[in-house]
All heavy atoms as atom14 arrays in JSON, in Angstrom:
{
  "sequence": "YAMHLTMTELAQMCGRICRNEKDWGETIVLDNNIGWFMRSNGGL",
  "atom14_mask": [
    [1, 1, 1, 1, 1, 1, 1, 1, 1, 1, 1, 1, 0, 0],
    [1, 1, 1, 1, 1, 0, 0, 0, 0, 0, 0, 0, 0, 0],
    [1, 1, 1, 1, 1, 1, 1, 1, 0, 0, 0, 0, 0, 0],
    [1, 1, 1, 1, 1, 1, 1, 1, 1, 1, 0, 0, 0, 0],
    [1, 1, 1, 1, 1, 1, 1, 1, 0, 0, 0, 0, 0, 0],
    [1, 1, 1, 1, 1, 1, 1, 0, 0, 0, 0, 0, 0, 0],
    [1, 1, 1, 1, 1, 1, 1, 1, 0, 0, 0, 0, 0, 0],
    [1, 1, 1, 1, 1, 1, 1, 0, 0, 0, 0, 0, 0, 0],
    [1, 1, 1, 1, 1, 1, 1, 1, 1, 0, 0, 0, 0, 0],
    [1, 1, 1, 1, 1, 1, 1, 1, 0, 0, 0, 0, 0, 0],
    [1, 1, 1, 1, 1, 0, 0, 0, 0, 0, 0, 0, 0, 0],
    [1, 1, 1, 1, 1, 1, 1, 1, 1, 0, 0, 0, 0, 0],
    [1, 1, 1, 1, 1, 1, 1, 1, 0, 0, 0, 0, 0, 0],
    [1, 1, 1, 1, 1, 1, 0, 0, 0, 0, 0, 0, 0, 0],
    [1, 1, 1, 1, 0, 0, 0, 0, 0, 0, 0, 0, 0, 0],
    [1, 1, 1, 1, 1, 1, 1, 1, 1, 1, 1, 0, 0, 0],
    [1, 1, 1, 1, 1, 1, 1, 1, 0, 0, 0, 0, 0, 0],
    [1, 1, 1, 1, 1, 1, 0, 0, 0, 0, 0, 0, 0, 0],
    [1, 1, 1, 1, 1, 1, 1, 1, 1, 1, 1, 0, 0, 0],
    [1, 1, 1, 1, 1, 1, 1, 1, 0, 0, 0, 0, 0, 0],
    [1, 1, 1, 1, 1, 1, 1, 1, 1, 0, 0, 0, 0, 0],
    [1, 1, 1, 1, 1, 1, 1, 1, 1, 0, 0, 0, 0, 0],
    [1, 1, 1, 1, 1, 1, 1, 1, 0, 0, 0, 0, 0, 0],
    [1, 1, 1, 1, 1, 1, 1, 1, 1, 1, 1, 1, 1, 1],
    [1, 1, 1, 1, 0, 0, 0, 0, 0, 0, 0, 0, 0, 0],
    [1, 1, 1, 1, 1, 1, 1, 1, 1, 0, 0, 0, 0, 0],
    [1, 1, 1, 1, 1, 1, 1, 0, 0, 0, 0, 0, 0, 0],
    [1, 1, 1, 1, 1, 1, 1, 1, 0, 0, 0, 0, 0, 0],
    [1, 1, 1, 1, 1, 1, 1, 0, 0, 0, 0, 0, 0, 0],
    [1, 1, 1, 1, 1, 1, 1, 1, 0, 0, 0, 0, 0, 0],
    [1, 1, 1, 1, 1, 1, 1, 1, 0, 0, 0, 0, 0, 0],
    [1, 1, 1, 1, 1, 1, 1, 1, 0, 0, 0, 0, 0, 0],
    [1, 1, 1, 1, 1, 1, 1, 1, 0, 0, 0, 0, 0, 0],
    [1, 1, 1, 1, 1, 1, 1, 1, 0, 0, 0, 0, 0, 0],
    [1, 1, 1, 1, 0, 0, 0, 0, 0, 0, 0, 0, 0, 0],
    [1, 1, 1, 1, 1, 1, 1, 1, 1, 1, 1, 1, 1, 1],
    [1, 1, 1, 1, 1, 1, 1, 1, 1, 1, 1, 0, 0, 0],
    [1, 1, 1, 1, 1, 1, 1, 1, 0, 0, 0, 0, 0, 0],
    [1, 1, 1, 1, 1, 1, 1, 1, 1, 1, 1, 0, 0, 0],
    [1, 1, 1, 1, 1, 1, 0, 0, 0, 0, 0, 0, 0, 0],
    [1, 1, 1, 1, 1, 1, 1, 1, 0, 0, 0, 0, 0, 0],
    [1, 1, 1, 1, 0, 0, 0, 0, 0, 0, 0, 0, 0, 0],
    [1, 1, 1, 1, 0, 0, 0, 0, 0, 0, 0, 0, 0, 0],
    [1, 1, 1, 1, 1, 1, 1, 1, 0, 0, 0, 0, 0, 0]
  ],
  "atom14_positions": [
    [[-28.22, -38.93, 48.2], [-27.58, -40.14, 47.59], [-27.21, -39.73, 46.11], [-26.05, -39.93, 45.65], [-28.42, -41.28, 47.71], [-27.71, -42.52, 47.11], [-26.66, -43.15, 47.8], [-28.12, -43.08, 45.85], [-25.96, -44.24, 47.31], [-27.5, -44.23, 45.35], [-26.31, -44.83, 46.03], [-25.79, -45.93, 45.59], [0.0, 0.0, 0.0], [0.0, 0.0, 0.0]],
    [[-28.25, -39.33, 45.28], [-28.0, -39.04, 43.89], [-27.0, -37.96, 43.68], [-26.09, -38.11, 42.79], [-29.27, -38.75, 43.21], [0.0, 0.0, 0.0], [0.0, 0.0, 0.0], [0.0, 0.0, 0.0], [0.0, 0.0, 0.0], [0.0, 0.0, 0.0], [0.0, 0.0, 0.0], [0.0, 0.0, 0.0], [0.0, 0.0, 0.0], [0.0, 0.0, 0.0]],
    [[-27.15, -36.96, 44.49], [-26.18, -35.83, 44.23], [-24.74, -36.17, 44.69], [-23.81, -35.75, 44.19], [-26.63, -34.59, 45.09], [-27.98, -33.95, 44.44], [-27.84, -33.38, 42.63], [-28.76, -34.73, 41.87], [0.0, 0.0, 0.0], [0.0, 0.0, 0.0], [0.0, 0.0, 0.0], [0.0, 0.0, 0.0], [0.0, 0.0, 0.0], [0.0, 0.0, 0.0]],
    [[-24.73, -37.05, 45.67], [-23.32, -37.42, 46.23], [-22.7, -38.28, 45.12], [-21.4, -38.18, 44.82], [-23.49, -38.37, 47.47], [-22.19, -38.89, 47.95], [-21.21, -38.05, 48.63], [-21.62, -40.1, 47.83], [-20.23, -38.77, 48.89], [-20.43, -40.03, 48.5], [0.0, 0.0, 0.0], [0.0, 0.0, 0.0], [0.0, 0.0, 0.0], [0.0, 0.0, 0.0]],
    [[-23.44, -39.22, 44.47], [-22.82, -40.04, 43.39], [-22.45, -39.16, 42.2], [-21.41, -39.29, 41.55], [-23.83, -41.16, 42.96], [-24.07, -42.29, 43.94], [-24.94, -43.31, 43.34], [-22.76, -42.97, 44.31], [0.0, 0.0, 0.0], [0.0, 0.0, 0.0], [0.0, 0.0, 0.0], [0.0, 0.0, 0.0], [0.0, 0.0, 0.0], [0.0, 0.0, 0.0]],
    [[-23.29, -38.07, 42.0], [-23.01, -37.18, 40.78], [-21.79, -36.38, 41.1], [-20.9, -36.28, 40.16], [-24.19, -36.25, 40.57], [-25.41, -37.07, 40.16], [-23.94, -35.28, 39.49], [0.0, 0.0, 0.0], [0.0, 0.0, 0.0], [0.0, 0.0, 0.0], [0.0, 0.0, 0.0], [0.0, 0.0, 0.0], [0.0, 0.0, 0.0], [0.0, 0.0, 0.0]],
    [[-21.62, -35.98, 42.31], [-20.42, -35.18, 42.63], [-19.14, -36.03, 42.55], [-18.12, -35.67, 42.16], [-20.52, -34.59, 44.15], [-19.31, -33.9, 44.54], [-18.94, -32.35, 43.56], [-20.15, -31.33, 44.3], [0.0, 0.0, 0.0], [0.0, 0.0, 0.0], [0.0, 0.0, 0.0], [0.0, 0.0, 0.0], [0.0, 0.0, 0.0], [0.0, 0.0, 0.0]],
    [[-19.31, -37.33, 43.01], [-18.17, -38.26, 42.96], [-17.77, -38.52, 41.5], [-16.6, -38.42, 41.11], [-18.53, -39.56, 43.67], [-18.84, -39.33, 44.91], [-17.38, -40.59, 43.48], [0.0, 0.0, 0.0], [0.0, 0.0, 0.0], [0.0, 0.0, 0.0], [0.0, 0.0, 0.0], [0.0, 0.0, 0.0], [0.0, 0.0, 0.0], [0.0, 0.0, 0.0]],
    [[-18.7, -38.62, 40.65], [-18.43, -38.84, 39.22], [-17.92, -37.54, 38.62], [-16.91, -37.66, 37.85], [-19.74, -39.27, 38.46], [-19.57, -39.5, 37.03], [-18.67, -40.68, 36.64], [-18.36, -41.53, 37.56], [-18.15, -40.71, 35.55], [0.0, 0.0, 0.0], [0.0, 0.0, 0.0], [0.0, 0.0, 0.0], [0.0, 0.0, 0.0], [0.0, 0.0, 0.0]],
    [[-18.38, -36.39, 38.88], [-17.81, -35.19, 38.44], [-16.41, -34.93, 38.85], [-15.65, -34.7, 37.95], [-18.62, -33.96, 38.83], [-18.31, -32.58, 38.5], [-18.24, -32.47, 36.98], [-19.07, -31.59, 39.18], [0.0, 0.0, 0.0], [0.0, 0.0, 0.0], [0.0, 0.0, 0.0], [0.0, 0.0, 0.0], [0.0, 0.0, 0.0], [0.0, 0.0, 0.0]],
    [[-16.15, -35.28, 40.06], [-14.71, -35.11, 40.58], [-13.81, -36.06, 39.91], [-12.64, -35.69, 39.51], [-14.7, -35.28, 42.06], [0.0, 0.0, 0.0], [0.0, 0.0, 0.0], [0.0, 0.0, 0.0], [0.0, 0.0, 0.0], [0.0, 0.0, 0.0], [0.0, 0.0, 0.0], [0.0, 0.0, 0.0], [0.0, 0.0, 0.0], [0.0, 0.0, 0.0]],
    [[-14.24, -37.22, 39.64], [-13.38, -38.24, 38.95], [-13.17, -37.94, 37.55], [-12.14, -38.07, 36.88], [-14.01, -39.62, 39.13], [-13.83, -40.25, 40.49], [-14.56, -41.51, 40.64], [-15.26, -42.05, 39.77], [-14.38, -42.14, 41.74], [0.0, 0.0, 0.0], [0.0, 0.0, 0.0], [0.0, 0.0, 0.0], [0.0, 0.0, 0.0], [0.0, 0.0, 0.0]],
    [[-14.22, -37.42, 36.84], [-14.17, -36.84, 35.56], [-13.08, -35.81, 35.43], [-12.24, -35.72, 34.55], [-15.39, -36.46, 34.87], [-16.33, -37.52, 34.64], [-18.05, -36.97, 34.1], [-17.84, -36.82, 32.34], [0.0, 0.0, 0.0], [0.0, 0.0, 0.0], [0.0, 0.0, 0.0], [0.0, 0.0, 0.0], [0.0, 0.0, 0.0], [0.0, 0.0, 0.0]],
    [[-13.19, -34.77, 36.3], [-12.27, -33.66, 36.32], [-10.79, -34.16, 36.6], [-9.86, -33.57, 36.01], [-12.58, -32.68, 37.29], [-14.15, -31.65, 36.87], [0.0, 0.0, 0.0], [0.0, 0.0, 0.0], [0.0, 0.0, 0.0], [0.0, 0.0, 0.0], [0.0, 0.0, 0.0], [0.0, 0.0, 0.0], [0.0, 0.0, 0.0], [0.0, 0.0, 0.0]],
    [[-10.72, -35.1, 37.41], [-9.38, -35.66, 37.72], [-8.8, -36.53, 36.71], [-7.5, -37.01, 36.85], [0.0, 0.0, 0.0], [0.0, 0.0, 0.0], [0.0, 0.0, 0.0], [0.0, 0.0, 0.0], [0.0, 0.0, 0.0], [0.0, 0.0, 0.0], [0.0, 0.0, 0.0], [0.0, 0.0, 0.0], [0.0, 0.0, 0.0], [0.0, 0.0, 0.0]],
    [[-9.43, -36.86, 35.65], [-8.98, -37.75, 34.66], [-7.69, -37.33, 34.04], [-6.86, -38.07, 33.61], [-10.09, -38.0, 33.58], [-9.9, -39.0, 32.56], [-10.21, -40.4, 33.0], [-11.31, -40.59, 33.99], [-11.25, -41.09, 35.15], [-10.11, -41.73, 35.61], [-12.29, -41.2, 36.03], [0.0, 0.0, 0.0], [0.0, 0.0, 0.0], [0.0, 0.0, 0.0]],
    [[-7.53, -36.04, 33.89], [-6.34, -35.37, 33.26], [-5.26, -34.84, 34.22], [-4.19, -34.52, 33.75], [-6.76, -34.3, 32.09], [-7.43, -33.13, 32.79], [-7.69, -34.94, 31.13], [-7.55, -31.89, 31.96], [0.0, 0.0, 0.0], [0.0, 0.0, 0.0], [0.0, 0.0, 0.0], [0.0, 0.0, 0.0], [0.0, 0.0, 0.0], [0.0, 0.0, 0.0]],
    [[-5.64, -34.72, 35.51], [-4.68, -34.35, 36.43], [-4.43, -35.52, 37.48], [-5.26, -35.55, 38.4], [-5.18, -33.08, 37.18], [-5.21, -31.7, 36.09], [0.0, 0.0, 0.0], [0.0, 0.0, 0.0], [0.0, 0.0, 0.0], [0.0, 0.0, 0.0], [0.0, 0.0, 0.0], [0.0, 0.0, 0.0], [0.0, 0.0, 0.0], [0.0, 0.0, 0.0]],
    [[-3.33, -36.23, 37.39], [-3.22, -37.38, 38.17], [-2.14, -37.22, 39.32], [-2.11, -38.22, 40.07], [-2.84, -38.53, 37.23], [-3.75, -38.71, 36.0], [-5.15, -38.98, 36.38], [-5.38, -40.31, 36.9], [-6.51, -40.91, 37.32], [-7.42, -40.08, 37.49], [-6.47, -42.12, 37.75], [0.0, 0.0, 0.0], [0.0, 0.0, 0.0], [0.0, 0.0, 0.0]],
    [[-1.4, -36.2, 39.37], [-0.51, -36.14, 40.51], [-0.3, -34.51, 40.71], [-0.88, -33.68, 39.95], [0.74, -36.84, 40.12], [1.53, -36.2, 38.87], [1.84, -35.07, 38.74], [1.62, -37.07, 37.86], [0.0, 0.0, 0.0], [0.0, 0.0, 0.0], [0.0, 0.0, 0.0], [0.0, 0.0, 0.0], [0.0, 0.0, 0.0], [0.0, 0.0, 0.0]],
    [[0.38, -34.25, 41.77], [0.51, -32.76, 42.11], [1.31, -32.01, 41.13], [1.14, -30.71, 41.1], [1.17, -32.75, 43.56], [2.51, -33.31, 43.73], [2.49, -34.82, 43.99], [1.4, -35.33, 44.28], [3.57, -35.39, 43.83], [0.0, 0.0, 0.0], [0.0, 0.0, 0.0], [0.0, 0.0, 0.0], [0.0, 0.0, 0.0], [0.0, 0.0, 0.0]],
    [[2.05, -32.55, 40.24], [2.89, -31.84, 39.24], [2.0, -31.77, 37.85], [2.56, -31.01, 36.94], [4.26, -32.39, 39.08], [5.13, -32.19, 40.3], [6.49, -32.8, 39.96], [7.29, -32.55, 41.33], [8.62, -33.07, 41.19], [0.0, 0.0, 0.0], [0.0, 0.0, 0.0], [0.0, 0.0, 0.0], [0.0, 0.0, 0.0], [0.0, 0.0, 0.0]],
    [[1.01, -32.56, 37.78], [0.29, -32.56, 36.58], [-0.63, -31.38, 36.46], [-1.01, -30.83, 37.47], [-0.5, -33.94, 36.48], [-0.82, -34.37, 35.02], [-0.45, -33.63, 34.09], [-1.5, -35.48, 34.98], [0.0, 0.0, 0.0], [0.0, 0.0, 0.0], [0.0, 0.0, 0.0], [0.0, 0.0, 0.0], [0.0, 0.0, 0.0], [0.0, 0.0, 0.0]],
    [[-1.09, -31.01, 35.32], [-2.08, -29.86, 35.29], [-2.95, -30.13, 33.93], [-2.54, -30.77, 33.01], [-1.27, -28.5, 35.08], [-0.29, -28.48, 33.9], [1.02, -28.89, 33.91], [-0.51, -27.91, 32.62], [1.57, -28.6, 32.69], [0.59, -28.06, 31.83], [-1.68, -27.36, 32.05], [0.68, -27.64, 30.58], [-1.62, -27.02, 30.69], [-0.42, -27.14, 29.96]],
    [[-3.99, -29.4, 34.0], [-4.98, -29.41, 32.89], [-6.14, -28.51, 33.16], [-6.3, -28.12, 34.24], [0.0, 0.0, 0.0], [0.0, 0.0, 0.0], [0.0, 0.0, 0.0], [0.0, 0.0, 0.0], [0.0, 0.0, 0.0], [0.0, 0.0, 0.0], [0.0, 0.0, 0.0], [0.0, 0.0, 0.0], [0.0, 0.0, 0.0], [0.0, 0.0, 0.0]],
    [[-6.83, -28.27, 32.15], [-8.02, -27.31, 32.27], [-9.26, -28.06, 31.98], [-9.31, -28.85, 30.9], [-7.93, -26.25, 31.31], [-8.99, -25.33, 31.19], [-8.78, -24.28, 30.05], [-7.99, -24.51, 29.13], [-9.32, -23.13, 30.15], [0.0, 0.0, 0.0], [0.0, 0.0, 0.0], [0.0, 0.0, 0.0], [0.0, 0.0, 0.0], [0.0, 0.0, 0.0]],
    [[-10.31, -28.03, 32.85], [-11.6, -28.74, 32.51], [-12.68, -27.6, 32.39], [-12.67, -26.67, 33.18], [-11.95, -29.59, 33.69], [-11.02, -30.65, 33.77], [-13.32, -30.25, 33.42], [0.0, 0.0, 0.0], [0.0, 0.0, 0.0], [0.0, 0.0, 0.0], [0.0, 0.0, 0.0], [0.0, 0.0, 0.0], [0.0, 0.0, 0.0], [0.0, 0.0, 0.0]],
    [[-13.38, -27.67, 31.3], [-14.48, -26.78, 31.03], [-15.79, -27.52, 31.04], [-15.87, -28.51, 30.38], [-14.25, -26.08, 29.68], [-12.99, -25.2, 29.76], [-15.42, -25.16, 29.39], [-12.59, -24.74, 28.27], [0.0, 0.0, 0.0], [0.0, 0.0, 0.0], [0.0, 0.0, 0.0], [0.0, 0.0, 0.0], [0.0, 0.0, 0.0], [0.0, 0.0, 0.0]],
    [[-16.78, -27.07, 31.88], [-18.03, -27.73, 31.88], [-19.04, -26.85, 31.16], [-19.28, -25.69, 31.5], [-18.45, -27.97, 33.39], [-19.91, -28.66, 33.41], [-17.44, -28.73, 34.1], [0.0, 0.0, 0.0], [0.0, 0.0, 0.0], [0.0, 0.0, 0.0], [0.0, 0.0, 0.0], [0.0, 0.0, 0.0], [0.0, 0.0, 0.0], [0.0, 0.0, 0.0]],
    [[-19.6, -27.39, 30.09], [-20.51, -26.55, 29.29], [-21.9, -26.48, 29.76], [-22.66, -25.6, 29.36], [-20.48, -27.16, 27.75], [-19.23, -27.06, 27.01], [-19.42, -27.68, 25.64], [-18.64, -25.64, 26.96], [0.0, 0.0, 0.0], [0.0, 0.0, 0.0], [0.0, 0.0, 0.0], [0.0, 0.0, 0.0], [0.0, 0.0, 0.0], [0.0, 0.0, 0.0]],
    [[-22.33, -27.42, 30.63], [-23.61, -27.47, 31.19], [-23.9, -26.36, 32.12], [-23.19, -26.26, 33.26], [-23.75, -28.88, 31.82], [-25.23, -29.18, 32.18], [-26.08, -28.27, 32.36], [-25.48, -30.38, 32.46], [0.0, 0.0, 0.0], [0.0, 0.0, 0.0], [0.0, 0.0, 0.0], [0.0, 0.0, 0.0], [0.0, 0.0, 0.0], [0.0, 0.0, 0.0]],
    [[-24.76, -25.59, 31.85], [-25.13, -24.47, 32.84], [-25.63, -24.95, 34.18], [-25.56, -24.24, 35.17], [-26.26, -23.58, 32.32], [-25.64, -22.57, 31.29], [-24.46, -22.32, 31.07], [-26.53, -21.92, 30.46], [0.0, 0.0, 0.0], [0.0, 0.0, 0.0], [0.0, 0.0, 0.0], [0.0, 0.0, 0.0], [0.0, 0.0, 0.0], [0.0, 0.0, 0.0]],
    [[-25.9, -26.25, 34.33], [-26.35, -26.83, 35.58], [-25.24, -26.87, 36.54], [-25.45, -27.04, 37.74], [-26.98, -28.24, 35.36], [-28.41, -28.1, 34.8], [-29.23, -27.42, 35.34], [-28.62, -28.81, 33.76], [0.0, 0.0, 0.0], [0.0, 0.0, 0.0], [0.0, 0.0, 0.0], [0.0, 0.0, 0.0], [0.0, 0.0, 0.0], [0.0, 0.0, 0.0]],
    [[-24.0, -26.65, 36.12], [-22.88, -26.73, 36.96], [-22.98, -25.57, 38.16], [-22.58, -25.89, 39.21], [-21.49, -26.61, 36.28], [-20.41, -27.04, 37.14], [-21.21, -25.3, 35.65], [-20.23, -28.47, 37.6], [0.0, 0.0, 0.0], [0.0, 0.0, 0.0], [0.0, 0.0, 0.0], [0.0, 0.0, 0.0], [0.0, 0.0, 0.0], [0.0, 0.0, 0.0]],
    [[-23.44, -24.53, 37.69], [-23.7, -23.38, 38.72], [-24.45, -23.74, 39.81], [-24.12, -23.74, 41.09], [0.0, 0.0, 0.0], [0.0, 0.0, 0.0], [0.0, 0.0, 0.0], [0.0, 0.0, 0.0], [0.0, 0.0, 0.0], [0.0, 0.0, 0.0], [0.0, 0.0, 0.0], [0.0, 0.0, 0.0], [0.0, 0.0, 0.0], [0.0, 0.0, 0.0]],
    [[-25.73, -24.13, 39.62], [-26.61, -24.51, 40.76], [-26.2, -25.81, 41.43], [-26.3, -25.97, 42.63], [-28.1, -24.5, 40.35], [-28.54, -25.67, 39.56], [-28.74, -25.7, 38.18], [-28.84, -27.06, 40.05], [-29.13, -27.06, 37.84], [-29.21, -27.93, 38.93], [-28.81, -27.57, 41.33], [-29.54, -29.21, 39.07], [-29.17, -28.86, 41.47], [-29.53, -29.75, 40.26]],
    [[-25.58, -26.74, 40.6], [-25.1, -27.91, 41.18], [-24.14, -27.7, 42.29], [-24.14, -28.17, 43.42], [-24.63, -28.92, 40.15], [-24.2, -30.21, 40.72], [-25.0, -31.13, 41.13], [-22.71, -30.38, 40.81], [-24.52, -32.41, 41.83], [-22.3, -31.6, 41.36], [-23.08, -32.55, 41.83], [0.0, 0.0, 0.0], [0.0, 0.0, 0.0], [0.0, 0.0, 0.0]],
    [[-23.08, -26.93, 41.9], [-22.05, -26.64, 42.96], [-22.5, -25.74, 44.08], [-22.06, -25.99, 45.17], [-20.87, -25.96, 42.21], [-20.08, -26.95, 41.29], [-19.5, -28.43, 42.01], [-18.29, -27.78, 43.31], [0.0, 0.0, 0.0], [0.0, 0.0, 0.0], [0.0, 0.0, 0.0], [0.0, 0.0, 0.0], [0.0, 0.0, 0.0], [0.0, 0.0, 0.0]],
    [[-23.4, -24.86, 43.84], [-23.93, -23.98, 44.94], [-24.7, -24.89, 45.93], [-24.6, -24.74, 47.09], [-24.87, -22.89, 44.36], [-24.12, -21.71, 43.94], [-25.05, -20.52, 43.58], [-26.11, -20.84, 42.63], [-26.06, -20.76, 41.36], [-24.92, -20.34, 40.76], [-26.98, -21.03, 40.57], [0.0, 0.0, 0.0], [0.0, 0.0, 0.0], [0.0, 0.0, 0.0]],
    [[-25.43, -25.9, 45.4], [-26.36, -26.69, 46.17], [-25.63, -27.89, 46.81], [-26.02, -28.43, 47.87], [-27.49, -27.21, 45.35], [-28.25, -26.16, 44.72], [0.0, 0.0, 0.0], [0.0, 0.0, 0.0], [0.0, 0.0, 0.0], [0.0, 0.0, 0.0], [0.0, 0.0, 0.0], [0.0, 0.0, 0.0], [0.0, 0.0, 0.0], [0.0, 0.0, 0.0]],
    [[-24.58, -28.28, 46.24], [-23.93, -29.59, 46.58], [-22.47, -29.54, 46.74], [-21.7, -30.53, 46.95], [-24.25, -30.67, 45.5], [-25.67, -30.86, 45.31], [-26.35, -31.49, 46.22], [-26.23, -30.35, 44.25], [0.0, 0.0, 0.0], [0.0, 0.0, 0.0], [0.0, 0.0, 0.0], [0.0, 0.0, 0.0], [0.0, 0.0, 0.0], [0.0, 0.0, 0.0]],
    [[-21.91, -28.32, 46.85], [-20.49, -28.19, 47.07], [-19.91, -28.76, 48.25], [-18.74, -29.32, 48.25], [0.0, 0.0, 0.0], [0.0, 0.0, 0.0], [0.0, 0.0, 0.0], [0.0, 0.0, 0.0], [0.0, 0.0, 0.0], [0.0, 0.0, 0.0], [0.0, 0.0, 0.0], [0.0, 0.0, 0.0], [0.0, 0.0, 0.0], [0.0, 0.0, 0.0]],
    [[-20.69, -29.02, 49.31], [-20.31, -29.64, 50.53], [-20.16, -31.19, 50.35], [-19.45, -31.76, 51.24], [0.0, 0.0, 0.0], [0.0, 0.0, 0.0], [0.0, 0.0, 0.0], [0.0, 0.0, 0.0], [0.0, 0.0, 0.0], [0.0, 0.0, 0.0], [0.0, 0.0, 0.0], [0.0, 0.0, 0.0], [0.0, 0.0, 0.0], [0.0, 0.0, 0.0]],
    [[-20.57, -31.72, 49.2], [-20.35, -33.19, 48.94], [-19.02, -33.37, 48.25], [-18.68, -34.52, 48.0], [-21.57, -33.67, 48.06], [-22.91, -33.56, 48.7], [-23.95, -33.98, 47.77], [-23.01, -34.44, 49.99], [0.0, 0.0, 0.0], [0.0, 0.0, 0.0], [0.0, 0.0, 0.0], [0.0, 0.0, 0.0], [0.0, 0.0, 0.0], [0.0, 0.0, 0.0]]
  ]
}
């Protein structure tokens, strides 16, 4: 549950600057936890 909500929030944060198929932007995550988080929870 917690990881699902975290993934949802992360995806929404990343999507804040790309709102349609022609829009573009770059997101950089400074937190080193992104590596293990995505490896462990990418399926969410």
